[in-house]
């Protein structure tokens, strides 16, 4: 078993799966979950950074709990950074924003493929735990290729703080 330090937070561990093939695993120290172990095939690579977080390019999607609609989009470069997200259909079944050709190409999507859209949630403690979803800046995900990108849509058509019921 070989261990290689990637940075101060991430360590790659080679493990043998049942078939004798080597599979890479990462151990990442996070603020919210403590040390987590991630298979390399679970890593989602952002083709451009999430707005305001240029250093965060690799993430893992973790369920909040069994049966929950909530997920955590946990950064692998910054253990303090995790976004609460939901599939867009959870908030609005008709939500399907346009995707520019350049964005489709960056995400490795064919003309007929539809990306999954994740919405970042915000919790306002000042307003009695009001939850809003960012429809203006969704994360478009090509789940097959594990590529994602936060989009910036037209504020005349999409709300940055859509009230979640």
Protein backbone atom coordinates (compact mmCIF):
# COMPACT_ATOMS: atom_id res chain seq x y z
CA UNK A 1 0.00 0.00 0.00
CA UNK A 2 1.55 3.31 -1.10
CA UNK A 3 0.71 6.66 0.46
CA UNK A 4 1.48 9.94 -1.26
CA UNK A 5 0.87 13.36 0.27
CA UNK A 6 -0.96 15.59 -2.24
CA UNK A 7 -1.29 18.61 0.04
CA UNK A 8 -1.83 19.31 3.71
CA UNK A 9 -5.34 17.85 3.60
CA UNK A 10 -5.43 15.01 1.10
CA UNK A 11 -3.60 11.72 1.09
CA UNK A 12 -3.95 9.09 -1.65
CA UNK A 13 -4.04 5.49 -0.56
CA UNK A 14 -3.79 2.66 -3.09
CA UNK A 15 -6.06 -0.22 -2.20
CA UNK A 16 -6.66 -3.46 -4.01
CA UNK A 17 -10.24 -4.16 -4.98
CA UNK A 18 -11.43 -7.78 -5.14
CA UNK A 19 -10.16 -8.26 -8.71
CA UNK A 20 -6.54 -7.38 -7.97
CA UNK A 21 -6.80 -3.99 -9.68
CA UNK A 22 -5.52 -0.93 -7.88
CA UNK A 23 -8.14 1.68 -6.99
CA UNK A 24 -7.15 5.12 -5.70
CA UNK A 25 -8.77 6.36 -2.51
CA UNK A 26 -8.43 9.75 -0.88
CA UNK A 27 -8.55 10.55 2.79
CA UNK A 28 -9.63 14.13 3.34
CA UNK A 29 -9.96 16.00 6.62
CA UNK A 30 -13.15 18.07 6.63
CA UNK A 31 -14.60 20.45 9.17
CA UNK A 32 -18.13 19.01 8.99
CA UNK A 33 -17.48 15.26 8.61
CA UNK A 34 -14.00 14.76 10.07
CA UNK A 35 -11.80 12.47 8.02
CA UNK A 36 -13.61 10.97 5.03
CA UNK A 37 -12.43 8.43 2.50
CA UNK A 38 -13.36 8.97 -1.15
CA UNK A 39 -12.88 6.67 -4.12
CA UNK A 40 -11.22 8.47 -7.02
CA UNK A 41 -14.17 7.56 -9.25
CA UNK A 42 -16.47 9.60 -6.97
CA UNK A 43 -14.54 12.84 -7.50
CA UNK A 44 -16.42 15.57 -9.36
CA UNK A 45 -14.11 17.97 -11.19
CA UNK A 46 -15.30 21.54 -11.68
CA UNK A 47 -14.33 22.67 -15.19
CA UNK A 48 -14.31 26.21 -13.81
CA UNK A 49 -14.32 27.21 -10.14
CA UNK A 50 -17.41 27.82 -8.04
CA UNK A 51 -17.93 31.59 -7.86
CA UNK A 52 -15.86 33.01 -5.00
CA UNK A 53 -13.83 29.85 -4.43
CA UNK A 54 -11.11 29.68 -7.13
CA UNK A 55 -9.05 27.06 -5.26
CA UNK A 56 -11.87 24.53 -5.05
CA UNK A 57 -11.89 22.39 -8.19
CA UNK A 58 -12.50 18.86 -6.88
CA UNK A 59 -15.60 17.87 -4.93
CA UNK A 60 -17.46 14.83 -3.71
CA UNK A 61 -21.24 14.60 -3.38
CA UNK A 62 -22.28 13.12 -0.02
CA UNK A 63 -25.84 12.31 1.02
CA UNK A 64 -27.04 14.21 4.08
CA UNK A 65 -28.60 11.06 5.45
CA UNK A 66 -30.61 8.00 4.46
CA UNK A 67 -33.67 9.02 2.45
CA UNK A 68 -32.80 12.73 2.56
CA UNK A 69 -33.19 14.95 -0.52
CA UNK A 70 -30.23 17.03 0.71
CA UNK A 71 -26.62 16.43 -0.29
CA UNK A 72 -23.31 17.99 0.66
CA UNK A 73 -21.00 19.13 -2.14
CA UNK A 74 -17.75 18.81 -0.19
CA UNK A 75 -14.54 20.38 -1.48
CA UNK A 76 -11.50 18.10 -1.51
CA UNK A 77 -9.08 21.05 -1.54
CA UNK A 78 -10.67 23.00 1.30
CA UNK A 79 -12.00 20.91 4.18
CA UNK A 80 -13.96 23.91 5.50
CA UNK A 81 -15.95 24.29 2.26
CA UNK A 82 -19.16 22.30 1.76
CA UNK A 83 -22.37 23.41 0.09
CA UNK A 84 -25.81 22.00 0.87
CA UNK A 85 -27.39 21.12 -2.49
CA UNK A 86 -30.54 19.47 -3.80
CA UNK A 87 -31.45 18.15 -7.24
CA UNK A 88 -33.26 21.00 -9.00
CA UNK A 89 -36.40 18.91 -9.55
CA UNK A 90 -36.81 18.78 -5.77
CA UNK A 91 -37.47 22.54 -5.77
CA UNK A 92 -39.08 22.99 -9.20
CA UNK A 93 -39.88 20.07 -11.50
CA UNK A 94 -39.91 22.40 -14.53
CA UNK A 95 -36.46 23.90 -13.81
CA UNK A 96 -34.25 23.29 -16.84
CA UNK A 97 -32.19 26.38 -17.66
CA UNK A 98 -30.56 26.83 -21.05
CA UNK A 99 -27.04 25.52 -21.47
CA UNK A 100 -24.75 27.32 -23.91
CA UNK A 101 -22.83 25.29 -26.47
CA UNK A 102 -19.49 26.16 -24.85
CA UNK A 103 -20.78 24.95 -21.47
CA UNK A 104 -22.02 21.71 -23.03
CA UNK A 105 -18.60 21.18 -24.59
CA UNK A 106 -16.75 21.87 -21.32
CA UNK A 107 -18.99 19.36 -19.55
CA UNK A 108 -18.48 16.75 -22.27
CA UNK A 109 -22.20 16.56 -23.04
CA UNK A 110 -23.56 15.50 -26.41
CA UNK A 111 -26.33 17.53 -28.03
CA UNK A 112 -28.96 15.12 -26.73
CA UNK A 113 -27.67 14.78 -23.16
CA UNK A 114 -29.31 16.77 -20.39
CA UNK A 115 -27.12 17.56 -17.38
CA UNK A 116 -28.27 17.12 -13.83
CA UNK A 117 -28.81 20.46 -12.11
CA UNK A 118 -27.99 20.92 -8.45
CA UNK A 119 -29.17 23.97 -6.53
CA UNK A 120 -27.12 25.44 -3.72
CA UNK A 121 -29.23 26.12 -0.65
CA UNK A 122 -28.90 28.98 1.80
CA UNK A 123 -30.19 29.04 5.36
CA UNK A 124 -31.13 32.38 6.89
CA UNK A 125 -31.12 32.16 10.67
CA UNK A 126 -32.30 35.77 10.88
CA UNK A 127 -35.59 34.81 9.26
CA UNK A 128 -36.56 31.80 11.42
CA UNK A 129 -34.55 29.25 9.49
CA UNK A 130 -35.78 30.31 6.06
CA UNK A 131 -34.30 28.10 3.31
CA UNK A 132 -33.72 29.50 -0.18
CA UNK A 133 -32.34 27.93 -3.34
CA UNK A 134 -30.02 29.68 -5.77
CA UNK A 135 -31.76 29.30 -9.14
CA UNK A 136 -29.44 31.93 -10.65
CA UNK A 137 -26.24 29.93 -10.13
CA UNK A 138 -27.01 26.21 -10.45
CA UNK A 139 -24.35 23.55 -10.73
CA UNK A 140 -24.66 21.65 -14.03
CA UNK A 141 -23.35 18.10 -13.67
CA UNK A 142 -22.39 15.48 -16.21
CA UNK A 143 -22.68 12.57 -13.78
CA UNK A 144 -21.28 10.06 -16.27
CA UNK A 145 -18.01 11.96 -16.75
CA UNK A 146 -18.00 13.48 -13.23
CA UNK A 147 -17.63 17.01 -14.66
CA UNK A 148 -19.48 20.02 -13.26
CA UNK A 149 -19.74 23.76 -13.67
CA UNK A 150 -21.56 26.48 -11.80
CA UNK A 151 -23.57 28.49 -14.29
CA UNK A 152 -24.45 32.16 -14.01
CA UNK A 153 -27.87 32.69 -15.54
CA UNK A 154 -29.91 35.79 -16.39
CA UNK A 155 -31.06 37.50 -13.15
CA UNK A 156 -34.14 38.80 -15.00
CA UNK A 157 -35.37 35.20 -15.27
CA UNK A 158 -33.85 33.37 -12.29
CA UNK A 159 -33.96 34.12 -8.57
CA UNK A 160 -30.88 33.96 -6.36
CA UNK A 161 -33.00 33.36 -3.25
CA UNK A 162 -36.01 31.28 -4.29
CA UNK A 163 -38.07 30.37 -1.20
CA UNK A 164 -38.03 26.60 -0.59
CA UNK A 165 -41.25 25.25 0.94
